[in-house]
Amino acid sequence: MTLVTAVSQNLALAVLFGVVVSALVFAWENAKRIRARKYTDEAGVKHYEIYGPLFFGSVQGFGEKFDVAGDPAEVIIDFR
């Protein structure tokens, strides 16, 4: 193995590692941006208005926005 081959292989691995780390950091930061506005209307229906990016990385934060035990029988989730 020549020096040029070893350097190009290490460079390719470094670039691949950098892309993976960058994608993970991006997903982590965007997962924290999900928000929900909650209100109950005059009929007793609870409304959740969801704001922010919804994707695989925001599942935990999305689930924490709801109060399943305390919610009424009818709930509307608005994904504007």
PDB file of N, CA and C in Angstrom:
ATOM      1  N   MET A   1       0.853  -1.171   0.000  1.00  0.00           N
ATOM      2  CA  MET A   1       0.000   0.000   0.000  1.00  0.00           C
ATOM      3  C   MET A   1       0.898   1.233   0.000  1.00  0.00           C
ATOM      4  N   THR A   2       0.617   2.104  -0.908  1.00  0.00           N
ATOM      5  CA  THR A   2       1.423   3.309  -1.001  1.00  0.00           C
ATOM      6  C   THR A   2       0.875   4.356  -0.033  1.00  0.00           C
ATOM      7  N   LEU A   3       1.652   5.372   0.186  1.00  0.00           N
ATOM      8  CA  LEU A   3       1.260   6.448   1.081  1.00  0.00           C
ATOM      9  C   LEU A   3       0.023   7.183   0.553  1.00  0.00           C
ATOM     10  N   VAL A   4      -0.057   7.366  -0.752  1.00  0.00           N
ATOM     11  CA  VAL A   4      -1.185   8.075  -1.355  1.00  0.00           C
ATOM     12  C   VAL A   4      -2.478   7.276  -1.148  1.00  0.00           C
ATOM     13  N   THR A   5      -2.409   5.979  -1.301  1.00  0.00           N
ATOM     14  CA  THR A   5      -3.593   5.134  -1.109  1.00  0.00           C
ATOM     15  C   THR A   5      -4.051   5.182   0.346  1.00  0.00           C
ATOM     16  N   ALA A   6      -3.126   5.109   1.277  1.00  0.00           N
ATOM     17  CA  ALA A   6      -3.473   5.137   2.697  1.00  0.00           C
ATOM     18  C   ALA A   6      -4.105   6.475   3.079  1.00  0.00           C
ATOM     19  N   VAL A   7      -3.555   7.568   2.575  1.00  0.00           N
ATOM     20  CA  VAL A   7      -4.087   8.890   2.884  1.00  0.00           C
ATOM     21  C   VAL A   7      -5.474   9.055   2.283  1.00  0.00           C
ATOM     22  N   SER A   8      -5.689   8.607   1.042  1.00  0.00           N
ATOM     23  CA  SER A   8      -6.995   8.773   0.410  1.00  0.00           C
ATOM     24  C   SER A   8      -8.055   7.919   1.101  1.00  0.00           C
ATOM     25  N   GLN A   9      -7.683   6.730   1.590  1.00  0.00           N
ATOM     26  CA  GLN A   9      -8.642   5.903   2.334  1.00  0.00           C
ATOM     27  C   GLN A   9      -9.002   6.558   3.666  1.00  0.00           C
ATOM     28  N   ASN A  10      -7.998   7.098   4.365  1.00  0.00           N
ATOM     29  CA  ASN A  10      -8.267   7.762   5.633  1.00  0.00           C
ATOM     30  C   ASN A  10      -9.092   9.033   5.428  1.00  0.00           C
ATOM     31  N   LEU A  11      -8.832   9.738   4.359  1.00  0.00           N
ATOM     32  CA  LEU A  11      -9.592  10.943   4.053  1.00  0.00           C
ATOM     33  C   LEU A  11     -11.052  10.598   3.759  1.00  0.00           C
ATOM     34  N   ALA A  12     -11.270   9.535   3.014  1.00  0.00           N
ATOM     35  CA  ALA A  12     -12.635   9.107   2.703  1.00  0.00           C
ATOM     36  C   ALA A  12     -13.371   8.705   3.982  1.00  0.00           C
ATOM     37  N   LEU A  13     -12.724   8.009   4.869  1.00  0.00           N
ATOM     38  CA  LEU A  13     -13.333   7.632   6.147  1.00  0.00           C
ATOM     39  C   LEU A  13     -13.628   8.858   6.996  1.00  0.00           C
ATOM     40  N   ALA A  14     -12.725   9.816   7.001  1.00  0.00           N
ATOM     41  CA  ALA A  14     -12.930  11.039   7.777  1.00  0.00           C
ATOM     42  C   ALA A  14     -14.126  11.833   7.240  1.00  0.00           C
ATOM     43  N   VAL A  15     -14.252  11.912   5.929  1.00  0.00           N
ATOM     44  CA  VAL A  15     -15.381  12.620   5.321  1.00  0.00           C
ATOM     45  C   VAL A  15     -16.687  11.899   5.646  1.00  0.00           C
ATOM     46  N   LEU A  16     -16.704  10.586   5.532  1.00  0.00           N
ATOM     47  CA  LEU A  16     -17.888   9.801   5.850  1.00  0.00           C
ATOM     48  C   LEU A  16     -18.280   9.986   7.321  1.00  0.00           C
ATOM     49  N   PHE A  17     -17.320   9.931   8.209  1.00  0.00           N
ATOM     50  CA  PHE A  17     -17.568  10.130   9.633  1.00  0.00           C
ATOM     51  C   PHE A  17     -18.126  11.533   9.889  1.00  0.00           C
ATOM     52  N   GLY A  18     -17.580  12.531   9.240  1.00  0.00           N
ATOM     53  CA  GLY A  18     -18.046  13.904   9.396  1.00  0.00           C
ATOM     54  C   GLY A  18     -19.480  14.080   8.921  1.00  0.00           C
ATOM     55  N   VAL A  19     -19.833  13.451   7.828  1.00  0.00           N
ATOM     56  CA  VAL A  19     -21.197  13.536   7.301  1.00  0.00           C
ATOM     57  C   VAL A  19     -22.174  12.879   8.277  1.00  0.00           C
ATOM     58  N   VAL A  20     -21.820  11.721   8.814  1.00  0.00           N
ATOM     59  CA  VAL A  20     -22.693  11.015   9.762  1.00  0.00           C
ATOM     60  C   VAL A  20     -22.879  11.840  11.032  1.00  0.00           C
ATOM     61  N   VAL A  21     -21.803  12.368  11.585  1.00  0.00           N
ATOM     62  CA  VAL A  21     -21.897  13.172  12.806  1.00  0.00           C
ATOM     63  C   VAL A  21     -22.719  14.434  12.553  1.00  0.00           C
ATOM     64  N   SER A  22     -22.511  15.072  11.430  1.00  0.00           N
ATOM     65  CA  SER A  22     -23.267  16.273  11.087  1.00  0.00           C
ATOM     66  C   SER A  22     -24.762  15.966  10.964  1.00  0.00           C
ATOM     67  N   ALA A  23     -25.120  14.866  10.345  1.00  0.00           N
ATOM     68  CA  ALA A  23     -26.521  14.486  10.203  1.00  0.00           C
ATOM     69  C   ALA A  23     -27.151  14.199  11.567  1.00  0.00           C
ATOM     70  N   LEU A  24     -26.428  13.547  12.449  1.00  0.00           N
ATOM     71  CA  LEU A  24     -26.945  13.253  13.784  1.00  0.00           C
ATOM     72  C   LEU A  24     -27.154  14.526  14.600  1.00  0.00           C
ATOM     73  N   VAL A  25     -26.224  15.448  14.523  1.00  0.00           N
ATOM     74  CA  VAL A  25     -26.358  16.721  15.252  1.00  0.00           C
ATOM     75  C   VAL A  25     -27.537  17.514  14.706  1.00  0.00           C
ATOM     76  N   PHE A  26     -27.689  17.541  13.395  1.00  0.00           N
ATOM     77  CA  PHE A  26     -28.816  18.239  12.774  1.00  0.00           C
ATOM     78  C   PHE A  26     -30.143  17.645  13.245  1.00  0.00           C
ATOM     79  N   ALA A  27     -30.258  16.324  13.242  1.00  0.00           N
ATOM     80  CA  ALA A  27     -31.488  15.661  13.678  1.00  0.00           C
ATOM     81  C   ALA A  27     -31.762  15.943  15.149  1.00  0.00           C
ATOM     82  N   TRP A  28     -30.740  15.908  15.988  1.00  0.00           N
ATOM     83  CA  TRP A  28     -30.902  16.163  17.421  1.00  0.00           C
ATOM     84  C   TRP A  28     -31.406  17.588  17.672  1.00  0.00           C
ATOM     85  N   GLU A  29     -30.827  18.558  17.003  1.00  0.00           N
ATOM     86  CA  GLU A  29     -31.225  19.952  17.193  1.00  0.00           C
ATOM     87  C   GLU A  29     -32.649  20.196  16.701  1.00  0.00           C
ATOM     88  N   ASN A  30     -33.026  19.616  15.575  1.00  0.00           N
ATOM     89  CA  ASN A  30     -34.372  19.808  15.050  1.00  0.00           C
ATOM     90  C   ASN A  30     -35.421  19.068  15.862  1.00  0.00           C
ATOM     91  N   ALA A  31     -35.044  17.996  16.508  1.00  0.00           N
ATOM     92  CA  ALA A  31     -35.994  17.241  17.332  1.00  0.00           C
ATOM     93  C   ALA A  31     -36.445  18.058  18.535  1.00  0.00           C
ATOM     94  N   LYS A  32     -35.637  18.997  18.973  1.00  0.00           N
ATOM     95  CA  LYS A  32     -35.970  19.811  20.140  1.00  0.00           C
ATOM     96  C   LYS A  32     -36.876  20.991  19.789  1.00  0.00           C
ATOM     97  N   ARG A  33     -37.189  21.186  18.517  1.00  0.00           N
ATOM     98  CA  ARG A  33     -37.944  22.366  18.087  1.00  0.00           C
ATOM     99  C   ARG A  33     -39.444  22.141  17.995  1.00  0.00           C
ATOM    100  N   ILE A  34     -39.955  20.964  18.324  1.00  0.00           N
ATOM    101  CA  ILE A  34     -41.390  20.703  18.214  1.00  0.00           C
ATOM    102  C   ILE A  34     -42.123  21.355  19.384  1.00  0.00           C
ATOM    103  N   ARG A  35     -43.261  22.004  19.083  1.00  0.00           N
ATOM    104  CA  ARG A  35     -44.053  22.719  20.083  1.00  0.00           C
ATOM    105  C   ARG A  35     -45.521  22.350  19.912  1.00  0.00           C
ATOM    106  N   ALA A  36     -46.276  22.507  20.986  1.00  0.00           N
ATOM    107  CA  ALA A  36     -47.717  22.251  20.919  1.00  0.00           C
ATOM    108  C   ALA A  36     -48.458  23.322  21.700  1.00  0.00           C
ATOM    109  N   ARG A  37     -49.485  23.884  21.088  1.00  0.00           N
ATOM    110  CA  ARG A  37     -50.386  24.810  21.782  1.00  0.00           C
ATOM    111  C   ARG A  37     -51.642  24.018  22.130  1.00  0.00           C
ATOM    112  N   LYS A  38     -52.078  24.101  23.383  1.00  0.00           N
ATOM    113  CA  LYS A  38     -53.212  23.309  23.844  1.00  0.00           C
ATOM    114  C   LYS A  38     -54.311  24.223  24.347  1.00  0.00           C
ATOM    115  N   TYR A  39     -55.553  23.880  24.032  1.00  0.00           N
ATOM    116  CA  TYR A  39     -56.700  24.586  24.595  1.00  0.00           C
ATOM    117  C   TYR A  39     -57.929  23.681  24.505  1.00  0.00           C
ATOM    118  N   THR A  40     -58.903  23.970  25.338  1.00  0.00           N
ATOM    119  CA  THR A  40     -60.174  23.244  25.339  1.00  0.00           C
ATOM    120  C   THR A  40     -61.269  24.213  24.906  1.00  0.00           C
ATOM    121  N   ASP A  41     -62.051  23.813  23.908  1.00  0.00           N
ATOM    122  CA  ASP A  41     -63.110  24.704  23.419  1.00  0.00           C
ATOM    123  C   ASP A  41     -64.362  24.612  24.296  1.00  0.00           C
ATOM    124  N   GLU A  42     -65.380  25.393  23.918  1.00  0.00           N
ATOM    125  CA  GLU A  42     -66.596  25.470  24.735  1.00  0.00           C
ATOM    126  C   GLU A  42     -67.374  24.157  24.779  1.00  0.00           C
ATOM    127  N   ALA A  43     -67.150  23.258  23.831  1.00  0.00           N
ATOM    128  CA  ALA A  43     -67.831  21.956  23.808  1.00  0.00           C
ATOM    129  C   ALA A  43     -67.086  20.909  24.635  1.00  0.00           C
ATOM    130  N   GLY A  44     -65.949  21.288  25.219  1.00  0.00           N
ATOM    131  CA  GLY A  44     -65.172  20.347  26.020  1.00  0.00           C
ATOM    132  C   GLY A  44     -64.187  19.512  25.219  1.00  0.00           C
ATOM    133  N   VAL A  45     -63.981  19.871  23.958  1.00  0.00           N
ATOM    134  CA  VAL A  45     -63.028  19.155  23.097  1.00  0.00           C
ATOM    135  C   VAL A  45     -61.647  19.781  23.279  1.00  0.00           C
ATOM    136  N   LYS A  46     -60.652  18.953  23.508  1.00  0.00           N
ATOM    137  CA  LYS A  46     -59.290  19.466  23.673  1.00  0.00           C
ATOM    138  C   LYS A  46     -58.602  19.508  22.315  1.00  0.00           C
ATOM    139  N   HIS A  47     -57.944  20.632  22.038  1.00  0.00           N
ATOM    140  CA  HIS A  47     -57.232  20.836  20.773  1.00  0.00           C
ATOM    141  C   HIS A  47     -55.735  20.919  21.044  1.00  0.00           C
ATOM    142  N   TYR A  48     -54.974  20.246  20.202  1.00  0.00           N
ATOM    143  CA  TYR A  48     -53.520  20.356  20.205  1.00  0.00           C
ATOM    144  C   TYR A  48     -53.099  20.876  18.836  1.00  0.00           C
ATOM    145  N   GLU A  49     -52.410  22.001  18.796  1.00  0.00           N
ATOM    146  CA  GLU A  49     -51.868  22.530  17.551  1.00  0.00           C
ATOM    147  C   GLU A  49     -50.367  22.300  17.582  1.00  0.00           C
ATOM    148  N   ILE A  50     -49.871  21.472  16.663  1.00  0.00           N
ATOM    149  CA  ILE A  50     -48.472  21.057  16.638  1.00  0.00           C
ATOM    150  C   ILE A  50     -47.686  21.948  15.681  1.00  0.00           C
ATOM    151  N   TYR A  51     -46.556  22.455  16.144  1.00  0.00           N
ATOM    152  CA  TYR A  51     -45.655  23.290  15.347  1.00  0.00           C
ATOM    153  C   TYR A  51     -44.251  22.701  15.393  1.00  0.00           C
ATOM    154  N   GLY A  52     -43.548  22.786  14.286  1.00  0.00           N
ATOM    155  CA  GLY A  52     -42.162  22.332  14.237  1.00  0.00           C
ATOM    156  C   GLY A  52     -42.010  21.082  13.391  1.00  0.00           C
ATOM    157  N   PRO A  53     -40.775  20.668  13.191  1.00  0.00           N
ATOM    158  CA  PRO A  53     -40.521  19.501  12.340  1.00  0.00           C
ATOM    159  C   PRO A  53     -40.909  18.200  13.048  1.00  0.00           C
ATOM    160  N   LEU A  54     -41.658  17.379  12.364  1.00  0.00           N
ATOM    161  CA  LEU A  54     -42.076  16.089  12.899  1.00  0.00           C
ATOM    162  C   LEU A  54     -41.417  14.999  12.059  1.00  0.00           C
ATOM    163  N   PHE A  55     -40.511  14.258  12.659  1.00  0.00           N
ATOM    164  CA  PHE A  55     -39.805  13.189  11.972  1.00  0.00           C
ATOM    165  C   PHE A  55     -39.339  12.193  13.026  1.00  0.00           C
ATOM    166  N   PHE A  56     -38.624  11.151  12.613  1.00  0.00           N
ATOM    167  CA  PHE A  56     -38.252  10.074  13.530  1.00  0.00           C
ATOM    168  C   PHE A  56     -37.508  10.566  14.767  1.00  0.00           C
ATOM    169  N   GLY A  57     -36.779  11.638  14.669  1.00  0.00           N
ATOM    170  CA  GLY A  57     -36.001  12.142  15.803  1.00  0.00           C
ATOM    171  C   GLY A  57     -36.834  12.900  16.821  1.00  0.00           C
ATOM    172  N   SER A  58     -38.046  13.294  16.463  1.00  0.00           N
ATOM    173  CA  SER A  58     -38.871  14.074  17.385  1.00  0.00           C
ATOM    174  C   SER A  58     -39.988  13.260  18.027  1.00  0.00           C
ATOM    175  N   VAL A  59     -39.944  11.949  17.907  1.00  0.00           N
ATOM    176  CA  VAL A  59     -41.014  11.093  18.430  1.00  0.00           C
ATOM    177  C   VAL A  59     -41.172  11.247  19.941  1.00  0.00           C
ATOM    178  N   GLN A  60     -40.087  11.237  20.674  1.00  0.00           N
ATOM    179  CA  GLN A  60     -40.190  11.341  22.130  1.00  0.00           C
ATOM    180  C   GLN A  60     -40.764  12.691  22.548  1.00  0.00           C
ATOM    181  N   GLY A  61     -40.275  13.764  21.977  1.00  0.00           N
ATOM    182  CA  GLY A  61     -40.792  15.089  22.292  1.00  0.00           C
ATOM    183  C   GLY A  61     -42.246  15.240  21.903  1.00  0.00           C
ATOM    184  N   PHE A  62     -42.644  14.622  20.792  1.00  0.00           N
ATOM    185  CA  PHE A  62     -44.028  14.661  20.339  1.00  0.00           C
ATOM    186  C   PHE A  62     -44.938  13.966  21.349  1.00  0.00           C
ATOM    187  N   GLY A  63     -44.537  12.811  21.830  1.00  0.00           N
ATOM    188  CA  GLY A  63     -45.336  12.068  22.791  1.00  0.00           C
ATOM    189  C   GLY A  63     -45.490  12.776  24.120  1.00  0.00           C
ATOM    190  N   GLU A  64     -44.484  13.564  24.493  1.00  0.00           N
ATOM    191  CA  GLU A  64     -44.526  14.283  25.764  1.00  0.00           C
ATOM    192  C   GLU A  64     -45.485  15.479  25.742  1.00  0.00           C
ATOM    193  N   LYS A  65     -45.959  15.870  24.585  1.00  0.00           N
ATOM    194  CA  LYS A  65     -46.862  17.024  24.464  1.00  0.00           C
ATOM    195  C   LYS A  65     -48.292  16.702  24.896  1.00  0.00           C
ATOM    196  N   PHE A  66     -48.628  15.423  24.993  1.00  0.00           N
ATOM    197  CA  PHE A  66     -50.005  15.010  25.263  1.00  0.00           C
ATOM    198  C   PHE A  66     -50.187  14.553  26.706  1.00  0.00           C
ATOM    199  N   ASP A  67     -51.421  14.740  27.203  1.00  0.00           N
ATOM    200  CA  ASP A  67     -51.801  14.288  28.535  1.00  0.00           C
ATOM    201  C   ASP A  67     -52.915  13.257  28.364  1.00  0.00           C
ATOM    202  N   VAL A  68     -52.545  12.044  28.000  1.00  0.00           N
ATOM    203  CA  VAL A  68     -53.523  11.009  27.658  1.00  0.00           C
ATOM    204  C   VAL A  68     -54.455  10.717  28.832  1.00  0.00           C
ATOM    205  N   ALA A  69     -53.920  10.626  30.030  1.00  0.00           N
ATOM    206  CA  ALA A  69     -54.744  10.304  31.204  1.00  0.00           C
ATOM    207  C   ALA A  69     -55.721  11.437  31.542  1.00  0.00           C
ATOM    208  N   GLY A  70     -55.330  12.681  31.306  1.00  0.00           N
ATOM    209  CA  GLY A  70     -56.157  13.818  31.665  1.00  0.00           C
ATOM    210  C   GLY A  70     -57.000  14.387  30.543  1.00  0.00           C
ATOM    211  N   ASP A  71     -56.845  13.876  29.327  1.00  0.00           N
ATOM    212  CA  ASP A  71     -57.586  14.398  28.186  1.00  0.00           C
ATOM    213  C   ASP A  71     -59.032  13.921  28.193  1.00  0.00           C
ATOM    214  N   PRO A  72     -59.946  14.737  27.628  1.00  0.00           N
ATOM    215  CA  PRO A  72     -61.343  14.297  27.488  1.00  0.00           C
ATOM    216  C   PRO A  72     -61.461  13.198  26.431  1.00  0.00           C
ATOM    217  N   ALA A  73     -62.668  12.711  26.236  1.00  0.00           N
ATOM    218  CA  ALA A  73     -62.895  11.623  25.276  1.00  0.00           C
ATOM    219  C   ALA A  73     -62.623  12.058  23.837  1.00  0.00           C
ATOM    220  N   GLU A  74     -62.830  13.336  23.527  1.00  0.00           N
ATOM    221  CA  GLU A  74     -62.623  13.828  22.166  1.00  0.00           C
ATOM    222  C   GLU A  74     -61.456  14.805  22.134  1.00  0.00           C
ATOM    223  N   VAL A  75     -60.493  14.491  21.272  1.00  0.00           N
ATOM    224  CA  VAL A  75     -59.280  15.296  21.130  1.00  0.00           C
ATOM    225  C   VAL A  75     -59.045  15.544  19.647  1.00  0.00           C
ATOM    226  N   ILE A  76     -58.650  16.770  19.298  1.00  0.00           N
ATOM    227  CA  ILE A  76     -58.304  17.101  17.910  1.00  0.00           C
ATOM    228  C   ILE A  76     -56.835  17.509  17.891  1.00  0.00           C
ATOM    229  N   ILE A  77     -56.083  16.865  16.976  1.00  0.00           N
ATOM    230  CA  ILE A  77     -54.664  17.189  16.797  1.00  0.00           C
ATOM    231  C   ILE A  77     -54.520  17.868  15.442  1.00  0.00           C
ATOM    232  N   ASP A  78     -54.058  19.101  15.452  1.00  0.00           N
ATOM    233  CA  ASP A  78     -53.939  19.906  14.233  1.00  0.00           C
ATOM    234  C   ASP A  78     -52.463  20.001  13.856  1.00  0.00           C
ATOM    235  N   PHE A  79     -52.128  19.511  12.666  1.00  0.00           N
ATOM    236  CA  PHE A  79     -50.740  19.496  12.179  1.00  0.00           C
ATOM    237  C   PHE A  79     -50.479  20.583  11.139  1.00  0.00           C
ATOM    238  N   ARG A  80     -51.038  21.753  11.296  1.00  0.00           N
ATOM    239  CA  ARG A  80     -50.827  22.813  10.312  1.00  0.00           C
ATOM    240  C   ARG A  80     -49.421  22.883   9.937  1.00  0.00           C
TER     241      ARG A  80
END
